[in-house]
Amino acid sequence: IDHHAALIYTMVLVSAADRDMTDAEMRTIGEIVQYLPVFDDFEFDNLPKIAADCAEMLDSDDGLEQTIEVIVGSLPDQLRETAYAVACDVAAADGSVKQEEMRLLEMLRYGLNVDRLTA
């Protein structure tokens, strides 16, 4: 996948962490894709398909680990902190960060090699 899809996968992964993708989280993902400069050359109409592809990957055996590996393998180093930041935005979108989301953020931080101070 390309870096756009990897960032979207990251956001969908966090949104799905507690098995409840809220409207606030989905709205936040849409806003990030529409307004963050890294998505300037992204075709917004592709968002639902990419999100569905991520959800399908998550449903497979070892889906969580596989999805994180795909994200890490697809992101250039300079976008790893961006991926972690958008993950945090989505986790906080509904006003509270659940335990499952915190654990997933921790897994992403290690997978993306984001240092503790930055996180």
C-alpha atoms as a PDB file:
ATOM      1  CA  ILE A   1       0.000   0.000   0.000  1.00  0.00           C
ATOM      2  CA  ASP A   2       1.094   3.608  -0.405  1.00  0.00           C
ATOM      3  CA  HIS A   3       1.713   6.091   2.394  1.00  0.00           C
ATOM      4  CA  HIS A   4      -1.823   7.504   2.166  1.00  0.00           C
ATOM      5  CA  ALA A   5      -3.338   4.071   2.687  1.00  0.00           C
ATOM      6  CA  ALA A   6      -0.902   3.344   5.523  1.00  0.00           C
ATOM      7  CA  LEU A   7      -2.006   6.497   7.346  1.00  0.00           C
ATOM      8  CA  ILE A   8      -5.659   5.609   6.772  1.00  0.00           C
ATOM      9  CA  TYR A   9      -5.052   2.039   7.962  1.00  0.00           C
ATOM     10  CA  THR A  10      -3.506   3.492  11.124  1.00  0.00           C
ATOM     11  CA  MET A  11      -6.582   5.606  11.814  1.00  0.00           C
ATOM     12  CA  VAL A  12      -9.031   2.790  11.060  1.00  0.00           C
ATOM     13  CA  LEU A  13      -7.039   0.435  13.266  1.00  0.00           C
ATOM     14  CA  VAL A  14      -7.325   2.776  16.242  1.00  0.00           C
ATOM     15  CA  SER A  15     -10.991   3.441  15.571  1.00  0.00           C
ATOM     16  CA  ALA A  16     -11.718  -0.294  15.493  1.00  0.00           C
ATOM     17  CA  ALA A  17      -9.611  -1.092  18.575  1.00  0.00           C
ATOM     18  CA  ASP A  18     -12.589  -1.158  20.918  1.00  0.00           C
ATOM     19  CA  ARG A  19     -14.855  -2.794  18.302  1.00  0.00           C
ATOM     20  CA  ASP A  20     -16.933   0.409  18.116  1.00  0.00           C
ATOM     21  CA  MET A  21     -16.130   2.787  15.271  1.00  0.00           C
ATOM     22  CA  THR A  22     -17.998   5.881  16.439  1.00  0.00           C
ATOM     23  CA  ASP A  23     -19.350   8.638  14.227  1.00  0.00           C
ATOM     24  CA  ALA A  24     -16.935  11.065  15.875  1.00  0.00           C
ATOM     25  CA  GLU A  25     -13.983   8.832  14.982  1.00  0.00           C
ATOM     26  CA  MET A  26     -15.154   8.416  11.392  1.00  0.00           C
ATOM     27  CA  ARG A  27     -15.714  12.164  11.089  1.00  0.00           C
ATOM     28  CA  THR A  28     -12.211  12.811  12.448  1.00  0.00           C
ATOM     29  CA  ILE A  29     -10.691  10.419   9.897  1.00  0.00           C
ATOM     30  CA  GLY A  30     -12.544  12.216   7.098  1.00  0.00           C
ATOM     31  CA  GLU A  31     -11.419  15.632   8.329  1.00  0.00           C
ATOM     32  CA  ILE A  32      -7.805  14.532   8.644  1.00  0.00           C
ATOM     33  CA  VAL A  33      -7.832  13.145   5.109  1.00  0.00           C
ATOM     34  CA  GLN A  34      -9.454  16.299   3.755  1.00  0.00           C
ATOM     35  CA  TYR A  35      -7.265  18.855   5.514  1.00  0.00           C
ATOM     36  CA  LEU A  36      -3.862  17.404   6.445  1.00  0.00           C
ATOM     37  CA  PRO A  37      -1.265  18.487   3.855  1.00  0.00           C
ATOM     38  CA  VAL A  38       0.124  14.955   3.496  1.00  0.00           C
ATOM     39  CA  PHE A  39      -3.196  14.053   1.811  1.00  0.00           C
ATOM     40  CA  ASP A  40      -3.162  16.956  -0.677  1.00  0.00           C
ATOM     41  CA  ASP A  41      -2.603  14.577  -3.610  1.00  0.00           C
ATOM     42  CA  PHE A  42      -5.004  11.897  -2.306  1.00  0.00           C
ATOM     43  CA  GLU A  43      -8.300  11.189  -4.063  1.00  0.00           C
ATOM     44  CA  PHE A  44     -10.854  11.488  -1.233  1.00  0.00           C
ATOM     45  CA  ASP A  45     -13.321   9.159  -2.988  1.00  0.00           C
ATOM     46  CA  ASN A  46     -10.886   6.280  -2.340  1.00  0.00           C
ATOM     47  CA  LEU A  47     -11.248   6.601   1.448  1.00  0.00           C
ATOM     48  CA  PRO A  48     -14.172   4.146   1.895  1.00  0.00           C
ATOM     49  CA  LYS A  49     -12.466   1.423  -0.166  1.00  0.00           C
ATOM     50  CA  ILE A  50      -9.177   1.779   1.707  1.00  0.00           C
ATOM     51  CA  ALA A  51     -10.983   1.731   5.069  1.00  0.00           C
ATOM     52  CA  ALA A  52     -12.887  -1.394   4.003  1.00  0.00           C
ATOM     53  CA  ASP A  53      -9.643  -3.074   2.886  1.00  0.00           C
ATOM     54  CA  CYS A  54      -8.166  -2.369   6.316  1.00  0.00           C
ATOM     55  CA  ALA A  55     -11.234  -3.754   8.086  1.00  0.00           C
ATOM     56  CA  GLU A  56     -11.001  -6.902   5.953  1.00  0.00           C
ATOM     57  CA  MET A  57      -7.336  -7.337   6.863  1.00  0.00           C
ATOM     58  CA  LEU A  58      -8.164  -6.898  10.546  1.00  0.00           C
ATOM     59  CA  ASP A  59     -10.759  -9.676  10.316  1.00  0.00           C
ATOM     60  CA  SER A  60      -8.190 -12.199   9.071  1.00  0.00           C
ATOM     61  CA  ASP A  61      -6.112 -14.516  11.252  1.00  0.00           C
ATOM     62  CA  ASP A  62      -3.428 -12.459  13.014  1.00  0.00           C
ATOM     63  CA  GLY A  63      -5.126  -9.407  11.512  1.00  0.00           C
ATOM     64  CA  LEU A  64      -3.880  -6.936  14.102  1.00  0.00           C
ATOM     65  CA  GLU A  65      -0.236  -7.939  13.790  1.00  0.00           C
ATOM     66  CA  GLN A  66      -0.484  -8.194  10.007  1.00  0.00           C
ATOM     67  CA  THR A  67      -2.050  -4.735   9.726  1.00  0.00           C
ATOM     68  CA  ILE A  68       0.609  -3.152  11.929  1.00  0.00           C
ATOM     69  CA  GLU A  69       3.328  -4.830   9.847  1.00  0.00           C
ATOM     70  CA  VAL A  70       1.785  -3.488   6.633  1.00  0.00           C
ATOM     71  CA  ILE A  71       1.548   0.008   8.105  1.00  0.00           C
ATOM     72  CA  VAL A  72       5.144  -0.011   9.348  1.00  0.00           C
ATOM     73  CA  GLY A  73       6.429  -1.489   6.089  1.00  0.00           C
ATOM     74  CA  SER A  74       4.602   1.100   3.982  1.00  0.00           C
ATOM     75  CA  LEU A  75       5.433   4.312   5.819  1.00  0.00           C
ATOM     76  CA  PRO A  76       8.605   6.256   5.125  1.00  0.00           C
ATOM     77  CA  ASP A  77      10.492   7.212   8.288  1.00  0.00           C
ATOM     78  CA  GLN A  78       9.448  10.862   8.037  1.00  0.00           C
ATOM     79  CA  LEU A  79       5.741   9.912   8.291  1.00  0.00           C
ATOM     80  CA  ARG A  80       5.933   7.588  11.289  1.00  0.00           C
ATOM     81  CA  GLU A  81       5.393  10.340  13.847  1.00  0.00           C
ATOM     82  CA  THR A  82       2.569  11.682  11.673  1.00  0.00           C
ATOM     83  CA  ALA A  83       0.943   8.247  11.734  1.00  0.00           C
ATOM     84  CA  TYR A  84       1.192   8.143  15.522  1.00  0.00           C
ATOM     85  CA  ALA A  85      -0.220  11.670  15.810  1.00  0.00           C
ATOM     86  CA  VAL A  86      -3.265  10.927  13.635  1.00  0.00           C
ATOM     87  CA  ALA A  87      -3.797   7.713  15.602  1.00  0.00           C
ATOM     88  CA  CYS A  88      -3.922   9.785  18.795  1.00  0.00           C
ATOM     89  CA  ASP A  89      -6.370  12.222  17.181  1.00  0.00           C
ATOM     90  CA  VAL A  90      -8.728   9.400  16.256  1.00  0.00           C
ATOM     91  CA  ALA A  91      -8.430   7.791  19.696  1.00  0.00           C
ATOM     92  CA  ALA A  92      -9.401  11.091  21.347  1.00  0.00           C
ATOM     93  CA  ALA A  93     -12.165  11.935  18.844  1.00  0.00           C
ATOM     94  CA  ASP A  94     -15.047  10.688  20.970  1.00  0.00           C
ATOM     95  CA  GLY A  95     -13.889  12.448  24.130  1.00  0.00           C
ATOM     96  CA  SER A  96     -12.308   9.507  25.920  1.00  0.00           C
ATOM     97  CA  VAL A  97      -9.554   7.037  25.197  1.00  0.00           C
ATOM     98  CA  LYS A  98     -10.501   3.496  26.123  1.00  0.00           C
ATOM     99  CA  GLN A  99      -8.059   0.928  27.480  1.00  0.00           C
ATOM    100  CA  GLU A 100      -8.032  -0.991  24.171  1.00  0.00           C
ATOM    101  CA  GLU A 101      -7.133   2.188  22.301  1.00  0.00           C
ATOM    102  CA  MET A 102      -4.332   3.009  24.736  1.00  0.00           C
ATOM    103  CA  ARG A 103      -2.883  -0.474  24.312  1.00  0.00           C
ATOM    104  CA  LEU A 104      -3.062  -0.173  20.537  1.00  0.00           C
ATOM    105  CA  LEU A 105      -1.386   3.249  20.642  1.00  0.00           C
ATOM    106  CA  GLU A 106       1.406   1.656  22.654  1.00  0.00           C
ATOM    107  CA  MET A 107       1.771  -1.131  20.075  1.00  0.00           C
ATOM    108  CA  LEU A 108       1.862   1.447  17.279  1.00  0.00           C
ATOM    109  CA  ARG A 109       4.443   3.532  19.118  1.00  0.00           C
ATOM    110  CA  TYR A 110       6.764   0.545  19.363  1.00  0.00           C
ATOM    111  CA  GLY A 111       6.050  -0.649  15.831  1.00  0.00           C
ATOM    112  CA  LEU A 112       6.595   2.791  14.330  1.00  0.00           C
ATOM    113  CA  ASN A 113       9.642   3.365  16.542  1.00  0.00           C
ATOM    114  CA  VAL A 114       8.286   6.632  17.949  1.00  0.00           C
ATOM    115  CA  ASP A 115      10.291   7.597  21.005  1.00  0.00           C
ATOM    116  CA  ARG A 116       8.562   8.032  24.347  1.00  0.00           C
ATOM    117  CA  LEU A 117       9.092  11.795  24.590  1.00  0.00           C
ATOM    118  CA  THR A 118       7.556  12.378  21.150  1.00  0.00           C
ATOM    119  CA  ALA A 119       4.616  10.118  21.994  1.00  0.00           C
END
